[in-house]
N, C-alpha and C. Protein backbone atom coordinates (compact mmCIF):
# COMPACT_ATOMS: atom_id res chain seq x y z
N MET A 1 114.95 94.93 89.13
CA MET A 1 114.05 94.50 88.57
C MET A 1 113.78 95.63 87.47
N LYS A 2 113.37 95.45 86.22
CA LYS A 2 113.10 96.53 85.32
C LYS A 2 111.54 95.81 84.89
N VAL A 3 110.86 97.37 84.81
CA VAL A 3 109.50 97.45 84.33
C VAL A 3 109.41 98.00 83.16
N LEU A 4 109.04 97.62 81.99
CA LEU A 4 108.78 97.94 80.32
C LEU A 4 107.22 98.35 80.46
N HIS A 5 107.15 99.65 79.97
CA HIS A 5 105.93 99.98 79.85
C HIS A 5 105.12 100.04 78.29
N LEU A 6 103.96 99.25 77.88
CA LEU A 6 103.56 99.59 76.60
C LEU A 6 101.92 99.91 76.98
N ARG A 7 101.46 101.09 75.81
CA ARG A 7 100.04 101.14 75.93
C ARG A 7 99.45 100.78 74.96
N VAL A 8 98.54 100.30 75.21
CA VAL A 8 98.07 99.31 73.82
C VAL A 8 96.10 99.13 73.99
N GLY A 9 95.90 99.13 72.78
CA GLY A 9 94.59 98.70 72.62
C GLY A 9 93.77 100.29 72.30
N ALA A 10 92.69 99.94 72.33
CA ALA A 10 91.73 101.19 71.76
C ALA A 10 91.40 101.99 72.62
N ILE A 11 91.61 101.64 73.84
CA ILE A 11 91.42 102.60 74.71
C ILE A 11 92.89 102.78 75.87
N GLY A 12 93.61 102.79 75.31
CA GLY A 12 95.09 103.03 76.10
C GLY A 12 95.42 102.32 77.16
N THR A 13 95.38 100.93 76.93
CA THR A 13 95.46 100.33 78.39
C THR A 13 97.13 99.98 78.71
N ASN A 14 97.52 100.41 79.83
CA ASN A 14 98.72 100.01 80.30
C ASN A 14 99.22 98.75 80.44
N CYS A 15 100.13 98.17 79.57
CA CYS A 15 100.41 96.70 79.63
C CYS A 15 101.82 97.02 80.25
N TYR A 16 102.56 95.83 81.28
CA TYR A 16 103.82 95.86 81.76
C TYR A 16 104.48 94.64 81.56
N ILE A 17 105.46 94.62 81.50
CA ILE A 17 106.48 93.48 81.26
C ILE A 17 107.33 93.57 82.21
N VAL A 18 107.25 92.57 83.24
CA VAL A 18 108.26 92.89 84.55
C VAL A 18 109.11 91.95 84.68
N PHE A 19 110.40 92.13 84.87
CA PHE A 19 111.42 91.07 84.53
C PHE A 19 112.85 91.15 85.47
N ASP A 20 113.42 90.07 85.93
CA ASP A 20 114.67 90.04 86.63
C ASP A 20 115.83 90.16 85.44
N GLU A 21 116.64 90.99 85.75
CA GLU A 21 117.64 91.70 85.03
C GLU A 21 118.74 90.40 84.84
N THR A 22 118.95 89.71 85.89
CA THR A 22 119.90 88.78 86.00
C THR A 22 119.40 87.74 85.01
N THR A 23 118.18 86.99 85.39
CA THR A 23 117.62 85.87 84.93
C THR A 23 117.04 85.76 83.54
N ARG A 24 116.42 87.27 83.49
CA ARG A 24 116.08 87.50 82.33
C ARG A 24 114.67 86.96 82.24
N GLU A 25 113.91 86.29 83.40
CA GLU A 25 112.80 85.63 83.80
C GLU A 25 111.52 86.71 84.08
N GLY A 26 110.30 86.94 83.23
CA GLY A 26 109.63 87.90 83.57
C GLY A 26 108.22 87.51 83.63
N ALA A 27 107.29 88.35 83.67
CA ALA A 27 105.74 88.09 83.57
C ALA A 27 105.27 89.37 82.80
N VAL A 28 104.09 89.31 81.98
CA VAL A 28 103.49 90.11 81.38
C VAL A 28 102.50 90.30 82.07
N ILE A 29 101.92 91.75 82.40
CA ILE A 29 100.76 91.96 83.38
C ILE A 29 99.71 92.93 82.21
N ASP A 30 98.58 92.63 82.14
CA ASP A 30 97.48 93.09 81.63
C ASP A 30 97.90 93.09 80.09
N PRO A 31 98.08 91.99 79.50
CA PRO A 31 98.14 92.21 77.93
C PRO A 31 96.98 92.53 77.13
N GLY A 32 96.32 93.98 77.16
CA GLY A 32 95.25 94.31 76.61
C GLY A 32 94.81 94.41 75.26
N ASP A 33 95.88 94.04 74.48
CA ASP A 33 95.86 94.00 73.01
C ASP A 33 97.19 93.99 72.60
N GLN A 34 96.97 93.81 70.72
CA GLN A 34 98.46 94.26 70.25
C GLN A 34 99.63 93.26 70.52
N ALA A 35 99.34 91.93 70.70
CA ALA A 35 99.76 90.78 70.84
C ALA A 35 101.33 91.06 70.37
N GLU A 36 101.27 91.24 69.08
CA GLU A 36 102.66 91.37 68.50
C GLU A 36 103.71 92.13 68.87
N SER A 37 103.22 93.46 69.17
CA SER A 37 104.10 94.38 69.94
C SER A 37 104.66 94.10 71.31
N ILE A 38 103.64 93.33 72.38
CA ILE A 38 104.29 92.77 73.50
C ILE A 38 105.11 91.67 73.30
N LEU A 39 105.04 90.85 72.13
CA LEU A 39 106.27 89.62 71.97
C LEU A 39 107.40 90.33 71.60
N LYS A 40 107.04 91.25 70.52
CA LYS A 40 108.57 91.90 70.17
C LYS A 40 109.27 92.66 71.56
N ALA A 41 108.69 93.11 72.56
CA ALA A 41 109.05 93.74 73.35
C ALA A 41 109.96 92.44 74.40
N VAL A 42 109.17 91.34 74.33
CA VAL A 42 109.67 90.25 75.34
C VAL A 42 111.46 89.77 74.37
N ALA A 43 110.98 89.56 72.99
CA ALA A 43 112.00 88.90 72.54
C ALA A 43 113.14 90.16 72.31
N ASP A 44 112.85 91.13 72.17
CA ASP A 44 114.15 92.36 72.09
C ASP A 44 114.44 92.43 73.44
N GLU A 45 114.09 92.13 74.51
CA GLU A 45 114.95 91.82 75.80
C GLU A 45 115.55 90.68 76.21
N LYS A 46 115.14 89.51 75.47
CA LYS A 46 115.12 88.29 75.77
C LYS A 46 115.00 87.69 77.08
N ILE A 47 113.40 88.03 77.13
CA ILE A 47 112.67 87.48 78.26
C ILE A 47 112.28 86.25 78.26
N THR A 48 112.22 85.40 79.35
CA THR A 48 111.38 84.30 79.24
C THR A 48 110.43 84.34 80.23
N VAL A 49 108.86 84.66 79.50
CA VAL A 49 107.91 85.00 80.02
C VAL A 49 107.02 83.79 81.00
N LYS A 50 107.50 83.93 82.09
CA LYS A 50 107.13 82.87 83.23
C LYS A 50 105.59 82.40 83.53
N TYR A 51 105.18 84.10 83.42
CA TYR A 51 103.58 84.25 83.97
C TYR A 51 102.89 85.17 83.08
N ILE A 52 101.48 85.07 83.00
CA ILE A 52 100.69 86.22 82.32
C ILE A 52 99.71 86.73 83.52
N LEU A 53 99.74 87.60 84.24
CA LEU A 53 99.05 88.10 85.48
C LEU A 53 97.97 89.19 85.08
N LEU A 54 96.65 88.71 85.19
CA LEU A 54 95.52 89.79 85.20
C LEU A 54 95.22 90.35 86.33
N THR A 55 95.04 91.82 86.55
CA THR A 55 94.41 92.57 87.43
C THR A 55 92.90 92.05 87.45
N HIS A 56 92.23 91.93 86.42
CA HIS A 56 90.82 91.65 86.13
C HIS A 56 90.62 90.94 84.76
N ALA A 57 89.36 90.77 84.86
CA ALA A 57 88.93 90.33 83.16
C ALA A 57 88.13 91.30 82.12
N HIS A 58 88.32 92.45 82.24
CA HIS A 58 87.58 93.24 81.33
C HIS A 58 88.41 92.92 80.09
N PHE A 59 87.76 93.07 78.85
CA PHE A 59 88.45 92.66 77.42
C PHE A 59 89.77 93.52 77.47
N ASP A 60 89.64 95.09 77.68
CA ASP A 60 90.74 95.97 77.52
C ASP A 60 91.84 95.47 78.37
N HIS A 61 92.05 94.48 79.34
CA HIS A 61 92.99 93.95 80.05
C HIS A 61 93.46 92.89 79.56
N LEU A 62 92.94 92.05 78.60
CA LEU A 62 93.07 90.51 78.27
C LEU A 62 93.01 89.97 76.66
N LEU A 63 92.57 90.95 75.72
CA LEU A 63 92.58 90.56 74.42
C LEU A 63 93.58 90.13 73.84
N ALA A 64 94.84 90.46 74.46
CA ALA A 64 95.86 89.59 73.52
C ALA A 64 96.29 88.39 74.65
N ALA A 65 95.86 88.22 75.73
CA ALA A 65 96.42 87.34 76.74
C ALA A 65 96.39 85.73 76.09
N ASP A 66 95.26 85.34 75.35
CA ASP A 66 95.51 84.15 74.50
C ASP A 66 96.78 84.19 73.82
N ALA A 67 96.83 84.90 72.71
CA ALA A 67 97.97 84.88 71.68
C ALA A 67 99.38 85.11 72.45
N VAL A 68 99.30 85.93 73.62
CA VAL A 68 100.74 85.96 74.36
C VAL A 68 101.01 84.35 74.90
N GLN A 69 99.95 84.05 75.67
CA GLN A 69 99.82 82.54 76.31
C GLN A 69 100.59 81.69 75.30
N LYS A 70 99.83 81.34 73.90
CA LYS A 70 100.38 80.46 72.90
C LYS A 70 101.33 80.43 72.61
N ALA A 71 101.76 81.91 72.39
CA ALA A 71 103.28 82.30 71.94
C ALA A 71 104.42 81.82 73.45
N THR A 72 104.06 82.20 74.34
CA THR A 72 105.31 81.81 75.10
C THR A 72 104.90 80.50 76.14
N GLY A 73 103.95 79.88 76.46
CA GLY A 73 103.71 78.81 77.18
C GLY A 73 103.42 79.23 78.74
N ALA A 74 103.28 80.55 78.90
CA ALA A 74 103.24 80.90 80.46
C ALA A 74 101.54 80.57 80.32
N PRO A 75 101.53 80.20 81.99
CA PRO A 75 100.48 80.23 82.28
C PRO A 75 99.50 81.82 82.71
N ILE A 76 98.48 82.11 82.65
CA ILE A 76 97.54 83.00 82.80
C ILE A 76 97.23 82.47 84.08
N VAL A 77 97.27 83.85 84.95
CA VAL A 77 96.71 84.03 86.55
C VAL A 77 95.70 84.93 86.52
N LEU A 78 94.34 84.74 86.95
CA LEU A 78 93.68 85.65 87.22
C LEU A 78 92.61 84.91 88.56
N HIS A 79 91.83 86.19 89.38
CA HIS A 79 91.38 85.74 90.56
C HIS A 79 90.24 85.02 90.18
N GLU A 80 89.75 84.28 91.29
CA GLU A 80 88.47 83.13 91.11
C GLU A 80 87.07 84.14 90.81
N ALA A 81 86.99 85.16 91.44
CA ALA A 81 85.88 85.98 91.32
C ALA A 81 85.63 86.50 89.86
N ASP A 82 86.65 86.50 89.20
CA ASP A 82 86.32 87.25 87.54
C ASP A 82 86.43 86.19 86.69
N LEU A 83 86.40 85.02 87.03
CA LEU A 83 86.30 83.70 85.86
C LEU A 83 85.15 83.93 85.01
N PRO A 84 83.91 84.35 85.55
CA PRO A 84 82.63 84.37 84.71
C PRO A 84 83.11 85.63 83.80
N PHE A 85 83.70 86.45 83.83
CA PHE A 85 83.90 87.40 82.92
C PHE A 85 84.67 87.35 81.82
N ILE A 86 85.75 86.39 81.83
CA ILE A 86 86.32 86.01 80.60
C ILE A 86 85.62 85.56 79.56
N LYS A 87 84.21 84.85 79.72
CA LYS A 87 83.54 84.41 78.70
C LYS A 87 82.67 85.72 77.57
N LYS A 88 83.13 85.23 76.34
CA LYS A 88 82.51 86.42 75.34
C LYS A 88 81.02 86.53 75.58
N GLU A 89 80.19 85.68 75.96
CA GLU A 89 78.79 86.17 76.19
C GLU A 89 78.67 87.33 77.30
N THR A 90 79.41 87.35 78.26
CA THR A 90 79.07 88.14 79.49
C THR A 90 79.85 89.50 79.13
N MET A 91 80.18 89.69 77.66
CA MET A 91 80.86 90.89 77.15
C MET A 91 79.89 91.78 76.45
N THR A 92 78.85 91.59 76.60
CA THR A 92 78.10 92.36 75.43
C THR A 92 77.92 93.83 75.28
N ALA A 93 78.27 94.53 76.75
CA ALA A 93 78.66 95.92 76.73
C ALA A 93 79.65 96.38 75.90
N PHE A 94 80.47 95.43 75.37
CA PHE A 94 81.94 95.75 74.86
C PHE A 94 81.79 95.24 73.37
N ARG A 95 80.61 94.83 73.03
CA ARG A 95 80.62 94.20 71.40
C ARG A 95 81.29 94.69 70.47
N PRO A 96 81.55 96.14 70.28
CA PRO A 96 82.45 96.59 69.09
C PRO A 96 83.94 96.41 69.21
N PHE A 97 84.46 96.13 70.30
CA PHE A 97 85.87 95.82 70.77
C PHE A 97 86.39 94.59 70.56
N ILE A 98 85.39 93.28 70.54
CA ILE A 98 85.45 92.20 71.10
C ILE A 98 85.36 91.30 69.94
N LYS A 99 85.36 91.69 68.35
CA LYS A 99 85.28 90.84 67.61
C LYS A 99 86.22 89.77 67.45
N ASN A 100 87.42 90.03 67.75
CA ASN A 100 88.33 88.87 67.05
C ASN A 100 88.71 88.12 68.60
N TYR A 101 87.81 88.13 69.90
CA TYR A 101 88.30 87.92 71.07
C TYR A 101 88.24 86.34 70.79
N ALA A 102 89.46 85.94 71.47
CA ALA A 102 89.95 84.55 71.74
C ALA A 102 89.66 84.42 73.32
N GLU A 103 88.86 83.72 73.80
CA GLU A 103 88.85 83.23 75.22
C GLU A 103 89.78 82.77 75.76
N PRO A 104 90.82 83.11 76.66
CA PRO A 104 91.87 82.39 77.58
C PRO A 104 91.90 81.42 78.19
N GLN A 105 92.74 80.60 78.01
CA GLN A 105 92.90 79.48 79.34
C GLN A 105 93.24 79.70 80.56
N ILE A 106 92.53 80.00 81.63
CA ILE A 106 93.36 80.35 82.70
C ILE A 106 93.99 78.98 83.29
N GLY A 107 95.11 79.36 83.65
CA GLY A 107 96.05 78.52 84.10
C GLY A 107 96.58 78.32 85.46
N GLN A 108 96.05 79.37 86.40
CA GLN A 108 96.07 79.15 87.53
C GLN A 108 95.24 80.54 88.53
N ILE A 109 94.26 79.79 89.25
CA ILE A 109 93.33 80.65 89.87
C ILE A 109 93.92 81.15 90.92
N ALA A 110 93.71 82.61 90.85
CA ALA A 110 94.14 83.41 91.98
C ALA A 110 93.29 83.63 93.37
N GLN A 111 94.04 83.60 94.46
CA GLN A 111 92.77 84.27 95.50
C GLN A 111 93.97 85.30 95.99
N GLU A 112 93.11 85.82 97.53
CA GLU A 112 93.71 86.69 98.14
C GLU A 112 95.24 86.09 98.54
N GLY A 113 96.33 86.78 98.67
CA GLY A 113 97.69 86.32 98.86
C GLY A 113 98.48 85.41 97.92
N THR A 114 97.58 85.01 96.94
CA THR A 114 98.34 84.10 96.15
C THR A 114 99.73 85.08 95.59
N GLN A 115 100.63 83.96 95.53
CA GLN A 115 101.98 84.34 95.25
C GLN A 115 102.60 83.87 94.13
N VAL A 116 103.28 84.20 93.03
CA VAL A 116 103.98 83.63 91.85
C VAL A 116 105.21 84.19 91.88
N THR A 117 106.59 83.40 91.51
CA THR A 117 108.14 83.77 91.73
C THR A 117 108.37 83.78 90.23
N PHE A 118 109.20 84.51 89.63
CA PHE A 118 109.89 84.34 88.48
C PHE A 118 111.58 85.01 88.54
N GLY A 119 112.61 84.66 88.40
CA GLY A 119 113.73 85.11 88.56
C GLY A 119 113.96 85.31 90.11
N GLY A 120 114.03 86.31 90.62
CA GLY A 120 114.42 86.44 92.16
C GLY A 120 113.24 87.49 92.52
N LEU A 121 112.03 87.67 91.67
CA LEU A 121 111.13 88.24 91.94
C LEU A 121 109.93 87.30 92.14
N THR A 122 108.88 87.95 93.42
CA THR A 122 107.58 87.51 93.82
C THR A 122 106.40 88.59 93.35
N ALA A 123 105.61 88.31 92.61
CA ALA A 123 104.26 88.73 92.51
C ALA A 123 103.27 88.52 93.43
N THR A 124 102.63 89.20 94.33
CA THR A 124 101.80 88.95 94.99
C THR A 124 100.49 89.33 94.81
N TYR A 125 99.18 88.84 94.81
CA TYR A 125 97.88 89.08 94.73
C TYR A 125 97.12 89.94 95.95
N LEU A 126 96.72 91.11 95.52
CA LEU A 126 96.20 91.46 96.91
C LEU A 126 94.80 91.94 96.21
N HIS A 127 93.45 91.18 96.72
CA HIS A 127 92.15 91.19 96.15
C HIS A 127 91.81 92.72 96.75
N THR A 128 91.64 93.65 95.56
CA THR A 128 90.99 94.80 95.76
C THR A 128 89.95 95.04 94.81
N PRO A 129 88.44 94.42 95.50
CA PRO A 129 87.66 94.53 94.48
C PRO A 129 86.73 95.72 94.45
N GLY A 130 85.65 96.18 93.57
CA GLY A 130 85.32 97.46 93.21
C GLY A 130 84.82 97.60 92.00
N HIS A 131 85.56 97.73 91.05
CA HIS A 131 85.85 98.04 89.62
C HIS A 131 84.83 96.67 89.05
N THR A 132 85.38 95.22 89.70
CA THR A 132 84.95 93.95 89.36
C THR A 132 85.10 93.33 90.66
N PRO A 133 84.31 91.72 90.88
CA PRO A 133 84.16 91.20 92.18
C PRO A 133 85.91 90.61 91.97
N GLY A 134 86.46 90.31 91.10
CA GLY A 134 87.90 89.93 91.24
C GLY A 134 88.79 90.83 90.88
N SER A 135 88.81 91.91 90.89
CA SER A 135 89.77 92.76 90.65
C SER A 135 91.10 92.85 91.75
N CYS A 136 92.12 92.85 91.35
CA CYS A 136 93.22 92.89 92.62
C CYS A 136 94.14 93.67 92.03
N THR A 137 95.17 94.04 92.96
CA THR A 137 96.34 95.00 92.91
C THR A 137 97.87 93.55 93.07
N ILE A 138 98.70 93.87 92.08
CA ILE A 138 99.47 92.86 92.17
C ILE A 138 100.83 93.61 92.42
N ARG A 139 101.56 93.10 93.74
CA ARG A 139 102.52 94.00 94.30
C ARG A 139 103.83 93.07 93.97
N ILE A 140 104.90 93.97 93.22
CA ILE A 140 106.03 93.08 93.00
C ILE A 140 107.17 94.52 93.60
N GLY A 141 107.89 93.79 94.47
CA GLY A 141 108.98 94.82 94.93
C GLY A 141 108.39 96.28 95.56
N ASP A 142 108.59 97.38 95.24
CA ASP A 142 107.87 98.46 95.42
C ASP A 142 107.09 99.05 94.40
N CYS A 143 106.35 98.01 93.82
CA CYS A 143 105.59 98.84 93.03
C CYS A 143 103.88 97.87 92.97
N LEU A 144 102.86 98.47 93.10
CA LEU A 144 101.66 98.15 92.77
C LEU A 144 101.10 98.36 91.50
N PHE A 145 100.80 97.20 90.85
CA PHE A 145 100.31 97.14 89.72
C PHE A 145 98.81 97.24 89.93
N THR A 146 97.74 98.29 89.73
CA THR A 146 96.58 98.61 90.45
C THR A 146 95.64 98.69 89.55
N GLY A 147 95.84 98.15 88.20
CA GLY A 147 94.48 97.67 87.47
C GLY A 147 93.59 98.82 87.20
N ASP A 148 92.41 98.63 87.31
CA ASP A 148 91.57 99.73 87.38
C ASP A 148 90.72 99.69 88.81
N THR A 149 91.69 99.55 89.94
CA THR A 149 91.15 100.10 91.10
C THR A 149 91.80 101.30 91.44
N MET A 150 92.94 101.73 91.67
CA MET A 150 93.24 103.26 92.08
C MET A 150 94.02 103.84 90.77
N PHE A 151 93.38 104.78 90.02
CA PHE A 151 94.37 105.72 89.05
C PHE A 151 94.82 106.83 89.87
N ARG A 152 95.89 107.56 89.12
CA ARG A 152 96.39 108.71 89.64
C ARG A 152 95.04 109.90 89.83
N HIS A 153 94.97 110.02 91.09
CA HIS A 153 93.78 111.25 91.40
C HIS A 153 92.38 110.83 91.09
N GLU A 154 92.18 109.40 90.84
CA GLU A 154 90.82 108.87 90.33
C GLU A 154 90.86 107.52 90.85
N CYS A 155 89.61 106.55 90.54
CA CYS A 155 89.61 105.44 90.67
C CYS A 155 89.06 104.47 89.78
N GLY A 156 88.64 103.55 89.45
CA GLY A 156 88.21 102.87 88.33
C GLY A 156 86.42 102.76 88.64
N ARG A 157 85.68 102.63 87.35
CA ARG A 157 84.36 102.88 87.11
C ARG A 157 83.70 101.65 88.22
N CYS A 158 82.52 102.00 88.63
CA CYS A 158 81.79 101.02 89.35
C CYS A 158 80.31 100.77 88.86
N ASP A 159 80.12 101.24 87.59
CA ASP A 159 78.78 101.14 87.27
C ASP A 159 78.83 100.06 86.21
N LEU A 160 79.97 99.35 85.97
CA LEU A 160 79.66 98.37 85.25
C LEU A 160 79.19 97.03 85.42
N PRO A 161 79.06 95.88 84.98
CA PRO A 161 78.40 94.82 85.45
C PRO A 161 79.50 94.37 86.77
N GLY A 162 78.97 93.51 87.99
CA GLY A 162 79.96 93.45 89.09
C GLY A 162 80.36 94.57 90.05
N GLY A 163 80.44 95.89 89.42
CA GLY A 163 80.74 96.83 90.11
C GLY A 163 80.60 97.45 91.53
N ASP A 164 81.11 97.75 92.29
CA ASP A 164 80.39 98.20 93.63
C ASP A 164 80.98 99.27 94.50
N PHE A 165 80.54 100.40 94.53
CA PHE A 165 81.23 101.51 95.13
C PHE A 165 81.82 101.26 96.48
N GLY A 166 80.81 100.71 97.13
CA GLY A 166 81.49 100.52 98.47
C GLY A 166 82.82 99.52 98.94
N SER A 167 82.65 98.63 98.22
CA SER A 167 83.76 97.87 98.04
C SER A 167 85.07 98.44 97.34
N MET A 168 84.64 99.22 96.67
CA MET A 168 85.81 100.08 95.74
C MET A 168 86.61 100.95 96.99
N LEU A 169 85.82 101.54 97.86
CA LEU A 169 86.44 102.50 98.97
C LEU A 169 87.04 101.55 99.81
N ASP A 170 86.69 100.54 100.09
CA ASP A 170 87.19 99.50 101.00
C ASP A 170 88.73 99.19 100.12
N SER A 171 88.66 99.03 99.31
CA SER A 171 90.00 98.74 98.62
C SER A 171 91.04 99.91 98.44
N LEU A 172 90.48 101.07 98.21
CA LEU A 172 91.25 102.16 98.29
C LEU A 172 91.95 102.62 99.44
N GLN A 173 90.94 102.30 100.56
CA GLN A 173 91.71 102.46 101.75
C GLN A 173 92.48 101.63 102.22
N ARG A 174 92.50 100.27 101.63
CA ARG A 174 93.52 99.38 102.01
C ARG A 174 94.68 99.80 101.57
N LEU A 175 94.67 99.90 100.10
CA LEU A 175 95.78 100.16 99.36
C LEU A 175 96.61 101.70 100.37
N SER A 176 95.81 102.43 100.70
CA SER A 176 96.53 103.61 101.20
C SER A 176 96.80 103.50 102.11
N GLU A 177 96.57 102.23 102.80
CA GLU A 177 97.04 101.92 104.47
C GLU A 177 98.41 101.12 104.15
N ILE A 178 98.78 100.95 103.36
CA ILE A 178 99.92 100.08 102.83
C ILE A 178 101.19 101.13 103.38
N PRO A 179 102.04 101.01 104.00
CA PRO A 179 103.48 101.34 104.35
C PRO A 179 104.28 101.84 103.28
N GLY A 180 104.75 102.96 103.41
CA GLY A 180 105.75 103.16 102.74
C GLY A 180 105.07 103.91 101.24
N ASP A 181 106.07 104.87 100.81
CA ASP A 181 105.33 105.66 99.25
C ASP A 181 105.89 104.72 98.25
N LEU A 182 104.93 103.51 98.10
CA LEU A 182 105.04 102.65 96.76
C LEU A 182 104.99 103.25 95.47
N LYS A 183 105.45 102.73 94.57
CA LYS A 183 105.01 103.06 93.23
C LYS A 183 103.60 102.84 92.75
N VAL A 184 102.60 103.74 92.40
CA VAL A 184 101.34 102.95 91.68
C VAL A 184 101.35 103.10 89.90
N LEU A 185 101.31 102.02 89.59
CA LEU A 185 101.25 101.67 88.28
C LEU A 185 99.86 101.27 87.93
N PRO A 186 98.96 102.00 87.54
CA PRO A 186 97.60 101.81 87.12
C PRO A 186 97.46 101.21 85.62
N GLY A 187 96.27 100.65 85.56
CA GLY A 187 95.67 100.50 84.23
C GLY A 187 95.44 101.40 82.94
N HIS A 188 95.44 102.43 83.35
CA HIS A 188 95.40 103.39 82.56
C HIS A 188 96.10 104.81 82.81
N GLU A 189 96.11 105.60 81.77
CA GLU A 189 96.63 107.00 82.37
C GLU A 189 98.13 106.86 82.94
N GLU A 190 98.49 107.85 83.92
CA GLU A 190 99.59 108.14 84.34
C GLU A 190 100.08 107.49 85.65
N PHE A 191 101.24 107.27 85.49
CA PHE A 191 101.97 106.68 86.80
C PHE A 191 101.64 107.47 88.08
N SER A 192 101.82 106.76 89.23
CA SER A 192 101.87 107.76 90.64
C SER A 192 102.43 107.21 91.52
N SER A 193 102.08 107.64 92.91
CA SER A 193 102.62 106.86 93.93
C SER A 193 101.72 106.84 95.07
N LEU A 194 101.81 106.08 96.34
CA LEU A 194 100.89 106.29 97.45
C LEU A 194 100.79 107.51 98.04
N ASP A 195 102.13 108.10 98.40
CA ASP A 195 101.94 109.20 99.09
C ASP A 195 101.02 110.25 98.16
N GLU A 196 101.50 110.39 96.79
CA GLU A 196 100.41 111.33 95.96
C GLU A 196 98.90 110.80 96.15
N GLU A 197 98.99 109.80 96.32
CA GLU A 197 97.19 109.40 96.23
C GLU A 197 96.57 109.68 97.66
N ARG A 198 97.48 109.46 98.61
CA ARG A 198 97.10 110.12 99.72
C ARG A 198 96.68 111.26 99.95
N ARG A 199 97.30 112.26 99.43
CA ARG A 199 97.38 113.51 99.69
C ARG A 199 96.26 114.28 98.62
N ALA A 200 96.63 113.61 97.19
CA ALA A 200 95.18 114.43 96.39
C ALA A 200 94.26 113.65 95.68
N ASN A 201 93.99 112.20 95.95
CA ASN A 201 93.14 111.26 95.51
C ASN A 201 91.80 111.82 96.33
N PRO A 202 90.56 112.26 95.68
CA PRO A 202 89.71 112.58 96.37
C PRO A 202 88.74 111.13 96.94
N TYR A 203 88.90 110.18 96.21
CA TYR A 203 88.27 108.95 96.47
C TYR A 203 89.24 108.37 97.59
N VAL A 204 90.51 108.40 97.85
CA VAL A 204 91.15 107.93 98.61
C VAL A 204 90.92 108.60 100.20
N ARG A 205 90.67 110.01 100.16
CA ARG A 205 90.25 110.69 100.94
C ARG A 205 89.27 110.35 101.40
N GLN A 206 87.97 110.35 100.91
CA GLN A 206 86.77 109.71 101.10
C GLN A 206 86.53 108.57 101.78
N ALA A 207 87.59 107.57 101.15
CA ALA A 207 87.44 106.23 102.21
C ALA A 207 87.96 106.40 103.17
N LEU A 208 89.14 106.96 103.49
CA LEU A 208 89.66 107.29 105.04
C LEU A 208 88.97 107.96 105.50
N ALA A 209 87.91 108.92 105.18
CA ALA A 209 87.22 109.81 106.25
C ALA A 209 85.79 109.24 106.65
N ARG A 210 85.24 108.04 106.40
CA ARG A 210 84.41 107.34 106.56
C ARG A 210 84.49 106.58 108.43
């Protein structure tokens, strides 16, 4: 498995391209903007994109989803609880950022435990609400793509529509209790690991102390 990382958009969203190096089949996770850069990376690596996986439906994680979907034909996967958030009229708080927003067509609705496969890889959706009702962590191998749930020594905001801090603590506890020292690849900022977050993330420590 190989993971390409691109930082895209006005607020530096982490977009990931994960692919099987043998079959060159892959998935794009959170195409937050700059579709041309994402598609160039796909073409340079000769990747066949089988899925576009969204951790949640905030604008900064899906502005390029429609363009990437049309260019690749890959279905977009999103948790059912976040379906209302893809509509432009629900994004009024983000109006300055969404002037050219094209609502993506969701090809597959995810729930807890939904799995999709590409090449020899399997992506599993773990429902981790708190930032939004449908926020998910996507596990592929030893990597957790945590979206805006778990950041390095932080967690995602819970003060936007649909956010809930109690649910966030539940989700952080769930992630921290996954066995092993998995890699944490968040939706923003730097990478981390589960051991590092168990040790130094104050929100994880708060969740575990309840």
